[in-house]
C-alpha atoms as a PDB file:
ATOM      1  CA  MET A   1     -44.688  -1.316 -65.433  1.00  0.00           C
ATOM      2  CA  ARG A   2     -48.090  -1.010 -63.733  1.00  0.00           C
ATOM      3  CA  ASN A   3     -49.553  -4.163 -65.918  1.00  0.00           C
ATOM      4  CA  SER A   4     -46.487  -5.837 -65.141  1.00  0.00           C
ATOM      5  CA  THR A   5     -46.660  -5.336 -61.357  1.00  0.00           C
ATOM      6  CA  VAL A   6     -50.176  -6.172 -61.281  1.00  0.00           C
ATOM      7  CA  ALA A   7     -49.476  -9.493 -63.664  1.00  0.00           C
ATOM      8  CA  PHE A   8     -46.869 -10.550 -60.683  1.00  0.00           C
ATOM      9  CA  VAL A   9     -49.028  -9.908 -57.978  1.00  0.00           C
ATOM     10  CA  LEU A  10     -51.801 -12.050 -59.993  1.00  0.00           C
ATOM     11  CA  VAL A  11     -49.447 -14.786 -60.147  1.00  0.00           C
ATOM     12  CA  LEU A  12     -48.196 -14.548 -56.858  1.00  0.00           C
ATOM     13  CA  VAL A  13     -51.702 -14.725 -55.385  1.00  0.00           C
ATOM     14  CA  THR A  14     -52.734 -17.702 -57.580  1.00  0.00           C
ATOM     15  CA  ALA A  15     -49.424 -19.626 -56.379  1.00  0.00           C
ATOM     16  CA  LEU A  16     -50.190 -18.951 -53.071  1.00  0.00           C
ATOM     17  CA  GLY A  17     -53.806 -20.181 -53.545  1.00  0.00           C
ATOM     18  CA  ALA A  18     -52.713 -23.402 -55.018  1.00  0.00           C
ATOM     19  CA  HIS A  19     -50.089 -24.135 -51.885  1.00  0.00           C
ATOM     20  CA  ALA A  20     -52.684 -23.098 -49.340  1.00  0.00           C
ATOM     21  CA  GLU A  21     -53.601 -25.896 -46.361  1.00  0.00           C
ATOM     22  CA  PRO A  22     -57.465 -26.497 -46.171  1.00  0.00           C
ATOM     23  CA  THR A  23     -59.070 -26.282 -42.928  1.00  0.00           C
ATOM     24  CA  PRO A  24     -58.486 -29.636 -41.055  1.00  0.00           C
ATOM     25  CA  LEU A  25     -61.663 -31.657 -40.632  1.00  0.00           C
ATOM     26  CA  PRO A  26     -60.802 -33.730 -37.628  1.00  0.00           C
ATOM     27  CA  ARG A  27     -63.879 -36.182 -38.110  1.00  0.00           C
ATOM     28  CA  ALA A  28     -63.129 -36.924 -41.319  1.00  0.00           C
ATOM     29  CA  HIS A  29     -61.640 -40.652 -42.002  1.00  0.00           C
ATOM     30  CA  ALA A  30     -60.124 -41.770 -45.315  1.00  0.00           C
ATOM     31  CA  HIS A  31     -61.219 -45.391 -45.411  1.00  0.00           C
ATOM     32  CA  ASN A  32     -58.598 -47.756 -47.558  1.00  0.00           C
ATOM     33  CA  ASP A  33     -56.608 -44.505 -48.274  1.00  0.00           C
ATOM     34  CA  TYR A  34     -53.944 -46.420 -50.124  1.00  0.00           C
ATOM     35  CA  GLU A  35     -56.318 -47.169 -52.780  1.00  0.00           C
ATOM     36  CA  HIS A  36     -56.417 -43.626 -53.978  1.00  0.00           C
ATOM     37  CA  ALA A  37     -54.737 -42.176 -56.847  1.00  0.00           C
ATOM     38  CA  ARG A  38     -52.055 -40.456 -54.283  1.00  0.00           C
ATOM     39  CA  PRO A  39     -52.153 -42.023 -51.006  1.00  0.00           C
ATOM     40  CA  LEU A  40     -52.036 -39.719 -47.979  1.00  0.00           C
ATOM     41  CA  SER A  41     -51.543 -36.577 -50.246  1.00  0.00           C
ATOM     42  CA  ASP A  42     -55.240 -36.983 -51.609  1.00  0.00           C
ATOM     43  CA  ALA A  43     -56.501 -37.027 -48.219  1.00  0.00           C
ATOM     44  CA  LEU A  44     -54.251 -34.521 -46.702  1.00  0.00           C
ATOM     45  CA  ASP A  45     -55.163 -32.006 -49.249  1.00  0.00           C
ATOM     46  CA  GLN A  46     -58.875 -32.323 -48.204  1.00  0.00           C
ATOM     47  CA  GLY A  47     -57.675 -31.445 -44.973  1.00  0.00           C
ATOM     48  CA  PHE A  48     -58.724 -35.387 -43.333  1.00  0.00           C
ATOM     49  CA  GLY A  49     -57.632 -35.776 -39.579  1.00  0.00           C
ATOM     50  CA  SER A  50     -57.661 -39.344 -40.130  1.00  0.00           C
ATOM     51  CA  VAL A  51     -56.390 -41.777 -42.622  1.00  0.00           C
ATOM     52  CA  GLU A  52     -56.086 -45.816 -42.861  1.00  0.00           C
ATOM     53  CA  ALA A  53     -53.571 -48.052 -44.157  1.00  0.00           C
ATOM     54  CA  ASP A  54     -53.870 -51.979 -44.282  1.00  0.00           C
ATOM     55  CA  VAL A  55     -50.652 -53.709 -43.778  1.00  0.00           C
ATOM     56  CA  HIS A  56     -49.032 -56.902 -44.325  1.00  0.00           C
ATOM     57  CA  LEU A  57     -45.989 -58.299 -42.833  1.00  0.00           C
ATOM     58  CA  VAL A  58     -44.036 -59.736 -45.474  1.00  0.00           C
ATOM     59  CA  ASP A  59     -40.285 -61.140 -45.172  1.00  0.00           C
ATOM     60  CA  GLY A  60     -40.027 -58.675 -42.194  1.00  0.00           C
ATOM     61  CA  ARG A  61     -41.819 -55.399 -44.428  1.00  0.00           C
ATOM     62  CA  LEU A  62     -44.923 -53.861 -43.539  1.00  0.00           C
ATOM     63  CA  LEU A  63     -46.467 -53.893 -47.066  1.00  0.00           C
ATOM     64  CA  VAL A  64     -49.467 -51.486 -48.017  1.00  0.00           C
ATOM     65  CA  ALA A  65     -52.486 -53.228 -49.534  1.00  0.00           C
ATOM     66  CA  HIS A  66     -55.863 -54.564 -48.672  1.00  0.00           C
ATOM     67  CA  ASP A  67     -55.079 -58.408 -50.044  1.00  0.00           C
ATOM     68  CA  ARG A  68     -52.107 -60.257 -49.617  1.00  0.00           C
ATOM     69  CA  LYS A  69     -51.911 -60.780 -53.473  1.00  0.00           C
ATOM     70  CA  ALA A  70     -51.261 -57.490 -54.179  1.00  0.00           C
ATOM     71  CA  VAL A  71     -48.602 -56.193 -52.169  1.00  0.00           C
ATOM     72  CA  ASN A  72     -45.754 -54.262 -54.023  1.00  0.00           C
ATOM     73  CA  PRO A  73     -42.169 -54.228 -52.327  1.00  0.00           C
ATOM     74  CA  ALA A  74     -42.186 -50.674 -52.975  1.00  0.00           C
ATOM     75  CA  ARG A  75     -45.407 -49.745 -50.862  1.00  0.00           C
ATOM     76  CA  THR A  76     -44.130 -49.744 -47.751  1.00  0.00           C
ATOM     77  CA  LEU A  77     -45.760 -48.332 -44.703  1.00  0.00           C
ATOM     78  CA  GLU A  78     -42.652 -45.831 -44.393  1.00  0.00           C
ATOM     79  CA  SER A  79     -42.541 -45.113 -47.888  1.00  0.00           C
ATOM     80  CA  LEU A  80     -46.460 -44.047 -48.610  1.00  0.00           C
ATOM     81  CA  TYR A  81     -47.065 -42.891 -45.028  1.00  0.00           C
ATOM     82  CA  LEU A  82     -44.296 -42.375 -42.325  1.00  0.00           C
ATOM     83  CA  ASP A  83     -41.897 -40.806 -44.521  1.00  0.00           C
ATOM     84  CA  PRO A  84     -44.024 -37.972 -46.121  1.00  0.00           C
ATOM     85  CA  LEU A  85     -45.718 -37.297 -42.777  1.00  0.00           C
ATOM     86  CA  ARG A  86     -42.418 -36.879 -41.066  1.00  0.00           C
ATOM     87  CA  ALA A  87     -41.338 -34.622 -43.972  1.00  0.00           C
ATOM     88  CA  ARG A  88     -44.568 -32.745 -43.649  1.00  0.00           C
ATOM     89  CA  VAL A  89     -44.322 -32.232 -39.756  1.00  0.00           C
ATOM     90  CA  VAL A  90     -41.045 -30.658 -40.358  1.00  0.00           C
ATOM     91  CA  GLN A  91     -42.226 -28.327 -42.810  1.00  0.00           C
ATOM     92  CA  ASN A  92     -45.330 -27.367 -40.695  1.00  0.00           C
ATOM     93  CA  GLY A  93     -43.411 -26.405 -37.401  1.00  0.00           C
ATOM     94  CA  GLY A  94     -44.105 -29.854 -35.746  1.00  0.00           C
ATOM     95  CA  ARG A  95     -47.909 -30.340 -36.794  1.00  0.00           C
ATOM     96  CA  VAL A  96     -49.348 -32.066 -40.027  1.00  0.00           C
ATOM     97  CA  TYR A  97     -51.190 -29.447 -40.777  1.00  0.00           C
ATOM     98  CA  ARG A  98     -49.771 -25.844 -39.365  1.00  0.00           C
ATOM     99  CA  GLY A  99     -51.238 -25.317 -36.040  1.00  0.00           C
ATOM    100  CA  GLY A 100     -53.616 -27.835 -36.374  1.00  0.00           C
ATOM    101  CA  PRO A 101     -54.532 -30.704 -34.461  1.00  0.00           C
ATOM    102  CA  THR A 102     -53.093 -34.031 -33.768  1.00  0.00           C
ATOM    103  CA  ILE A 103     -54.092 -36.373 -36.734  1.00  0.00           C
ATOM    104  CA  ILE A 104     -54.545 -40.509 -36.788  1.00  0.00           C
ATOM    105  CA  LEU A 105     -52.855 -43.110 -38.889  1.00  0.00           C
ATOM    106  CA  LEU A 106     -54.961 -46.172 -38.239  1.00  0.00           C
ATOM    107  CA  VAL A 107     -53.045 -49.178 -39.365  1.00  0.00           C
ATOM    108  CA  ASP A 108     -55.447 -51.702 -39.985  1.00  0.00           C
ATOM    109  CA  VAL A 109     -52.836 -55.237 -39.640  1.00  0.00           C
ATOM    110  CA  LYS A 110     -53.975 -58.007 -41.877  1.00  0.00           C
ATOM    111  CA  SER A 111     -51.225 -60.472 -41.150  1.00  0.00           C
ATOM    112  CA  GLU A 112     -50.475 -62.236 -37.845  1.00  0.00           C
ATOM    113  CA  ALA A 113     -51.047 -59.755 -34.969  1.00  0.00           C
ATOM    114  CA  ASP A 114     -48.069 -60.360 -32.594  1.00  0.00           C
ATOM    115  CA  ALA A 115     -45.242 -60.734 -35.198  1.00  0.00           C
ATOM    116  CA  THR A 116     -46.565 -57.936 -37.410  1.00  0.00           C
ATOM    117  CA  TYR A 117     -46.918 -55.603 -34.161  1.00  0.00           C
ATOM    118  CA  ALA A 118     -43.245 -56.151 -33.345  1.00  0.00           C
ATOM    119  CA  ALA A 119     -42.363 -55.212 -36.667  1.00  0.00           C
ATOM    120  CA  LEU A 120     -44.317 -52.356 -36.445  1.00  0.00           C
ATOM    121  CA  ASP A 121     -43.244 -50.932 -32.911  1.00  0.00           C
ATOM    122  CA  ALA A 122     -39.726 -51.349 -34.157  1.00  0.00           C
ATOM    123  CA  VAL A 123     -40.457 -49.418 -37.219  1.00  0.00           C
ATOM    124  CA  LEU A 124     -42.595 -46.409 -35.425  1.00  0.00           C
ATOM    125  CA  ARG A 125     -39.245 -46.284 -32.642  1.00  0.00           C
ATOM    126  CA  ASN A 126     -37.632 -44.613 -35.439  1.00  0.00           C
ATOM    127  CA  TYR A 127     -40.221 -42.120 -36.086  1.00  0.00           C
ATOM    128  CA  ALA A 128     -41.011 -41.376 -32.234  1.00  0.00           C
ATOM    129  CA  GLU A 129     -40.224 -37.660 -32.519  1.00  0.00           C
ATOM    130  CA  MET A 130     -43.649 -37.010 -34.202  1.00  0.00           C
ATOM    131  CA  LEU A 131     -45.743 -39.585 -32.788  1.00  0.00           C
ATOM    132  CA  THR A 132     -48.231 -39.738 -29.708  1.00  0.00           C
ATOM    133  CA  VAL A 133     -46.076 -41.517 -26.766  1.00  0.00           C
ATOM    134  CA  PHE A 134     -48.279 -43.713 -24.087  1.00  0.00           C
ATOM    135  CA  HIS A 135     -45.747 -44.249 -21.083  1.00  0.00           C
ATOM    136  CA  GLY A 136     -47.697 -45.247 -18.109  1.00  0.00           C
ATOM    137  CA  ASP A 137     -50.441 -43.276 -16.774  1.00  0.00           C
ATOM    138  CA  ARG A 138     -49.232 -40.617 -19.151  1.00  0.00           C
ATOM    139  CA  VAL A 139     -50.189 -39.699 -22.946  1.00  0.00           C
ATOM    140  CA  SER A 140     -47.814 -37.205 -24.663  1.00  0.00           C
ATOM    141  CA  LEU A 141     -49.415 -36.206 -27.603  1.00  0.00           C
ATOM    142  CA  GLY A 142     -47.411 -35.723 -30.743  1.00  0.00           C
ATOM    143  CA  ALA A 143     -48.342 -34.920 -34.302  1.00  0.00           C
ATOM    144  CA  ILE A 144     -49.747 -38.069 -35.301  1.00  0.00           C
ATOM    145  CA  THR A 145     -51.398 -40.894 -33.277  1.00  0.00           C
ATOM    146  CA  VAL A 146     -50.875 -44.586 -34.500  1.00  0.00           C
ATOM    147  CA  ILE A 147     -54.118 -46.557 -33.855  1.00  0.00           C
ATOM    148  CA  ILE A 148     -53.562 -50.500 -34.484  1.00  0.00           C
ATOM    149  CA  SER A 149     -56.760 -52.136 -35.893  1.00  0.00           C
ATOM    150  CA  GLY A 150     -57.606 -55.512 -37.587  1.00  0.00           C
ATOM    151  CA  ASN A 151     -55.336 -58.062 -36.155  1.00  0.00           C
ATOM    152  CA  ARG A 152     -54.363 -56.569 -32.831  1.00  0.00           C
ATOM    153  CA  ALA A 153     -51.663 -57.612 -30.227  1.00  0.00           C
ATOM    154  CA  ARG A 154     -53.591 -56.975 -27.316  1.00  0.00           C
ATOM    155  CA  GLY A 155     -51.635 -58.713 -24.813  1.00  0.00           C
ATOM    156  CA  ALA A 156     -47.985 -57.436 -26.053  1.00  0.00           C
ATOM    157  CA  MET A 157     -49.535 -54.195 -26.587  1.00  0.00           C
ATOM    158  CA  ALA A 158     -50.980 -53.792 -23.011  1.00  0.00           C
ATOM    159  CA  ALA A 159     -47.922 -55.513 -21.335  1.00  0.00           C
ATOM    160  CA  GLN A 160     -45.492 -52.489 -22.770  1.00  0.00           C
ATOM    161  CA  ALA A 161     -44.367 -49.638 -20.603  1.00  0.00           C
ATOM    162  CA  VAL A 162     -43.845 -47.303 -23.557  1.00  0.00           C
ATOM    163  CA  ARG A 163     -45.766 -47.646 -26.679  1.00  0.00           C
ATOM    164  CA  PHE A 164     -45.922 -45.691 -29.821  1.00  0.00           C
ATOM    165  CA  ALA A 165     -49.342 -46.904 -30.576  1.00  0.00           C
ATOM    166  CA  ALA A 166     -52.815 -47.241 -29.262  1.00  0.00           C
ATOM    167  CA  MET A 167     -55.422 -50.011 -30.051  1.00  0.00           C
ATOM    168  CA  ASP A 168     -58.873 -49.894 -31.852  1.00  0.00           C
ATOM    169  CA  GLY A 169     -61.333 -51.184 -30.018  1.00  0.00           C
ATOM    170  CA  ARG A 170     -64.721 -52.666 -30.199  1.00  0.00           C
ATOM    171  CA  ILE A 171     -68.065 -52.352 -28.880  1.00  0.00           C
ATOM    172  CA  ASP A 172     -67.727 -54.663 -26.190  1.00  0.00           C
ATOM    173  CA  ASP A 173     -64.385 -52.339 -24.791  1.00  0.00           C
ATOM    174  CA  LEU A 174     -67.400 -50.110 -23.979  1.00  0.00           C
ATOM    175  CA  ALA A 175     -68.363 -52.456 -21.230  1.00  0.00           C
ATOM    176  CA  VAL A 176     -65.083 -52.051 -19.277  1.00  0.00           C
ATOM    177  CA  GLU A 177     -63.855 -48.676 -18.166  1.00  0.00           C
ATOM    178  CA  PRO A 178     -60.671 -48.000 -19.674  1.00  0.00           C
ATOM    179  CA  ALA A 179     -57.373 -47.770 -18.086  1.00  0.00           C
ATOM    180  CA  LYS A 180     -55.398 -44.775 -17.777  1.00  0.00           C
ATOM    181  CA  ASP A 181     -52.860 -45.913 -19.838  1.00  0.00           C
ATOM    182  CA  GLY A 182     -54.826 -44.887 -23.060  1.00  0.00           C
ATOM    183  CA  LEU A 183     -54.585 -48.307 -24.867  1.00  0.00           C
ATOM    184  CA  ILE A 184     -57.977 -48.293 -26.292  1.00  0.00           C
ATOM    185  CA  PRO A 185     -58.627 -44.556 -27.187  1.00  0.00           C
ATOM    186  CA  LEU A 186     -60.973 -45.296 -30.025  1.00  0.00           C
ATOM    187  CA  VAL A 187     -63.847 -48.067 -30.747  1.00  0.00           C
ATOM    188  CA  SER A 188     -64.743 -49.136 -34.114  1.00  0.00           C
ATOM    189  CA  ASP A 189     -67.468 -51.718 -35.036  1.00  0.00           C
ATOM    190  CA  ASN A 190     -69.277 -53.115 -38.038  1.00  0.00           C
ATOM    191  CA  TRP A 191     -72.518 -51.048 -37.988  1.00  0.00           C
ATOM    192  CA  GLU A 192     -74.339 -54.206 -38.817  1.00  0.00           C
ATOM    193  CA  LYS A 193     -73.205 -55.935 -35.986  1.00  0.00           C
ATOM    194  CA  VAL A 194     -74.524 -53.457 -33.812  1.00  0.00           C
ATOM    195  CA  PHE A 195     -77.463 -52.099 -35.180  1.00  0.00           C
ATOM    196  CA  GLY A 196     -80.586 -53.849 -36.779  1.00  0.00           C
ATOM    197  CA  TRP A 197     -81.249 -50.689 -39.196  1.00  0.00           C
ATOM    198  CA  LYS A 198     -80.319 -51.751 -42.655  1.00  0.00           C
ATOM    199  CA  TRP A 199     -80.177 -47.906 -44.338  1.00  0.00           C
ATOM    200  CA  THR A 200     -83.224 -48.935 -46.702  1.00  0.00           C
ATOM    201  CA  ARG A 201     -85.545 -46.212 -44.743  1.00  0.00           C
ATOM    202  CA  PRO A 202     -85.780 -43.445 -42.823  1.00  0.00           C
ATOM    203  CA  ILE A 203     -83.862 -44.204 -39.304  1.00  0.00           C
ATOM    204  CA  ALA A 204     -86.363 -45.196 -36.667  1.00  0.00           C
ATOM    205  CA  GLU A 205     -86.509 -43.298 -33.445  1.00  0.00           C
ATOM    206  CA  VAL A 206     -85.529 -46.428 -31.568  1.00  0.00           C
ATOM    207  CA  ASP A 207     -82.166 -46.620 -33.727  1.00  0.00           C
ATOM    208  CA  VAL A 208     -81.613 -43.300 -32.977  1.00  0.00           C
ATOM    209  CA  ALA A 209     -81.429 -43.292 -29.427  1.00  0.00           C
ATOM    210  CA  LYS A 210     -79.697 -46.682 -29.555  1.00  0.00           C
ATOM    211  CA  LEU A 211     -76.945 -44.701 -31.427  1.00  0.00           C
ATOM    212  CA  ALA A 212     -76.912 -42.107 -28.971  1.00  0.00           C
ATOM    213  CA  VAL A 213     -76.460 -44.231 -26.094  1.00  0.00           C
ATOM    214  CA  ARG A 214     -73.153 -45.722 -27.496  1.00  0.00           C
ATOM    215  CA  VAL A 215     -71.788 -42.365 -28.755  1.00  0.00           C
ATOM    216  CA  LYS A 216     -72.582 -40.893 -25.038  1.00  0.00           C
ATOM    217  CA  GLN A 217     -71.032 -43.856 -23.547  1.00  0.00           C
ATOM    218  CA  ALA A 218     -67.774 -43.942 -25.530  1.00  0.00           C
ATOM    219  CA  HIS A 219     -67.525 -40.051 -25.032  1.00  0.00           C
ATOM    220  CA  ALA A 220     -68.128 -40.775 -21.178  1.00  0.00           C
ATOM    221  CA  GLN A 221     -64.991 -43.144 -21.397  1.00  0.00           C
ATOM    222  CA  GLY A 222     -63.000 -40.400 -22.857  1.00  0.00           C
ATOM    223  CA  ARG A 223     -62.918 -42.606 -26.060  1.00  0.00           C
ATOM    224  CA  MET A 224     -63.699 -42.018 -30.165  1.00  0.00           C
ATOM    225  CA  ILE A 225     -66.491 -43.883 -31.855  1.00  0.00           C
ATOM    226  CA  ARG A 226     -66.412 -45.209 -35.591  1.00  0.00           C
ATOM    227  CA  PHE A 227     -68.532 -47.399 -37.633  1.00  0.00           C
ATOM    228  CA  TRP A 228     -67.621 -49.213 -40.970  1.00  0.00           C
ATOM    229  CA  ASN A 229     -69.929 -50.998 -43.144  1.00  0.00           C
ATOM    230  CA  THR A 230     -72.194 -48.046 -43.635  1.00  0.00           C
ATOM    231  CA  PRO A 231     -73.371 -46.318 -46.799  1.00  0.00           C
ATOM    232  CA  ASP A 232     -70.773 -43.669 -48.342  1.00  0.00           C
ATOM    233  CA  THR A 233     -73.508 -41.256 -48.789  1.00  0.00           C
ATOM    234  CA  PRO A 234     -74.456 -37.524 -47.681  1.00  0.00           C
ATOM    235  CA  GLU A 235     -77.578 -39.567 -45.932  1.00  0.00           C
ATOM    236  CA  ALA A 236     -75.543 -41.908 -43.710  1.00  0.00           C
ATOM    237  CA  TRP A 237     -72.858 -39.362 -43.116  1.00  0.00           C
ATOM    238  CA  ARG A 238     -75.783 -36.842 -41.814  1.00  0.00           C
ATOM    239  CA  VAL A 239     -77.030 -39.482 -39.284  1.00  0.00           C
ATOM    240  CA  LEU A 240     -73.657 -40.350 -38.133  1.00  0.00           C
ATOM    241  CA  ASN A 241     -72.830 -36.579 -37.831  1.00  0.00           C
ATOM    242  CA  GLU A 242     -76.079 -35.613 -35.930  1.00  0.00           C
ATOM    243  CA  ALA A 243     -75.161 -38.324 -33.482  1.00  0.00           C
ATOM    244  CA  GLY A 244     -71.790 -37.092 -32.796  1.00  0.00           C
ATOM    245  CA  VAL A 245     -69.953 -39.869 -34.370  1.00  0.00           C
ATOM    246  CA  ASP A 246     -66.332 -39.090 -33.882  1.00  0.00           C
ATOM    247  CA  LEU A 247     -64.943 -40.322 -37.376  1.00  0.00           C
ATOM    248  CA  ILE A 248     -66.964 -40.521 -40.298  1.00  0.00           C
ATOM    249  CA  ASN A 249     -65.598 -43.306 -42.866  1.00  0.00           C
ATOM    250  CA  THR A 250     -65.110 -42.197 -46.812  1.00  0.00           C
ATOM    251  CA  ASP A 251     -63.516 -43.185 -50.122  1.00  0.00           C
ATOM    252  CA  HIS A 252     -65.124 -40.013 -51.344  1.00  0.00           C
ATOM    253  CA  LEU A 253     -62.843 -37.414 -50.195  1.00  0.00           C
ATOM    254  CA  ALA A 254     -63.671 -34.409 -51.671  1.00  0.00           C
ATOM    255  CA  GLU A 255     -67.644 -34.913 -51.033  1.00  0.00           C
ATOM    256  CA  LEU A 256     -67.213 -35.736 -47.225  1.00  0.00           C
ATOM    257  CA  ARG A 257     -65.391 -32.162 -47.011  1.00  0.00           C
ATOM    258  CA  ARG A 258     -68.025 -30.427 -49.101  1.00  0.00           C
ATOM    259  CA  PHE A 259     -70.619 -32.292 -46.822  1.00  0.00           C
ATOM    260  CA  PHE A 260     -68.618 -30.976 -43.675  1.00  0.00           C
ATOM    261  CA  GLU A 261     -68.528 -27.418 -45.317  1.00  0.00           C
ATOM    262  CA  SER A 262     -72.449 -27.431 -46.147  1.00  0.00           C
ATOM    263  CA  THR A 263     -73.206 -28.773 -42.469  1.00  0.00           C
ATOM    264  CA  ALA A 264     -71.170 -25.856 -40.687  1.00  0.00           C
ATOM    265  CA  LYS A 265     -72.959 -23.253 -42.777  1.00  0.00           C
ATOM    266  CA  THR A 266     -76.183 -24.580 -41.866  1.00  0.00           C
ATOM    267  CA  LYS A 267     -75.406 -24.437 -38.216  1.00  0.00           C
ATOM    268  CA  ASP A 268     -73.917 -20.550 -38.743  1.00  0.00           C
END
């Protein structure tokens, strides 16, 4: 009897461990998340706080793919992201990670800005109960904050009294103090457009200082900051992490998780 009881406990512990949620990583961003074997699921299994999906408006549907020629009618924004997220939010008591932070769904629009945003806005309203809502000068945080990147319908979004998404800005937006409506909570840009350093040698102090200025400027305005077109390596992650960059891109999910874990241990 004792041996069977021990065996049962071991099986139970193993099962619980297999389903244990990872510690959320708010600064980990799954770049081109839809290219993974299990879109969204692979990133959430690693505790990522931000995932990116490229979308094309095709025959009134929001299809997820990097290139227009690669779209598949079965791979919609709803089926790959919004429906699984809603199921998880319901299961976890109102959050993607039980008791965890709001996560970001970065929707990178590849088709025409205004028509795609109109279709996206209509879809997002069907998921309003789990989304961050922007109304007037108030922001009501939800389980997921949708941020529109790529081809952005800036005029249409700014004109809305109530929005279910915000907009991804660019470095030039830091020159303008943000409005209270939270239109641009995140600023993202091409690293090589902003900085001269090409990652081929140790970063110079002048570039460290320049990066620090950009991060400080974004944070002073209550905005997050992110860069793309950076090497997907621990060396690049270290530079960005030490500077306080809010979202660090990767296609290597488990590796970035290990990087953040090792960094946390070093600080301890």
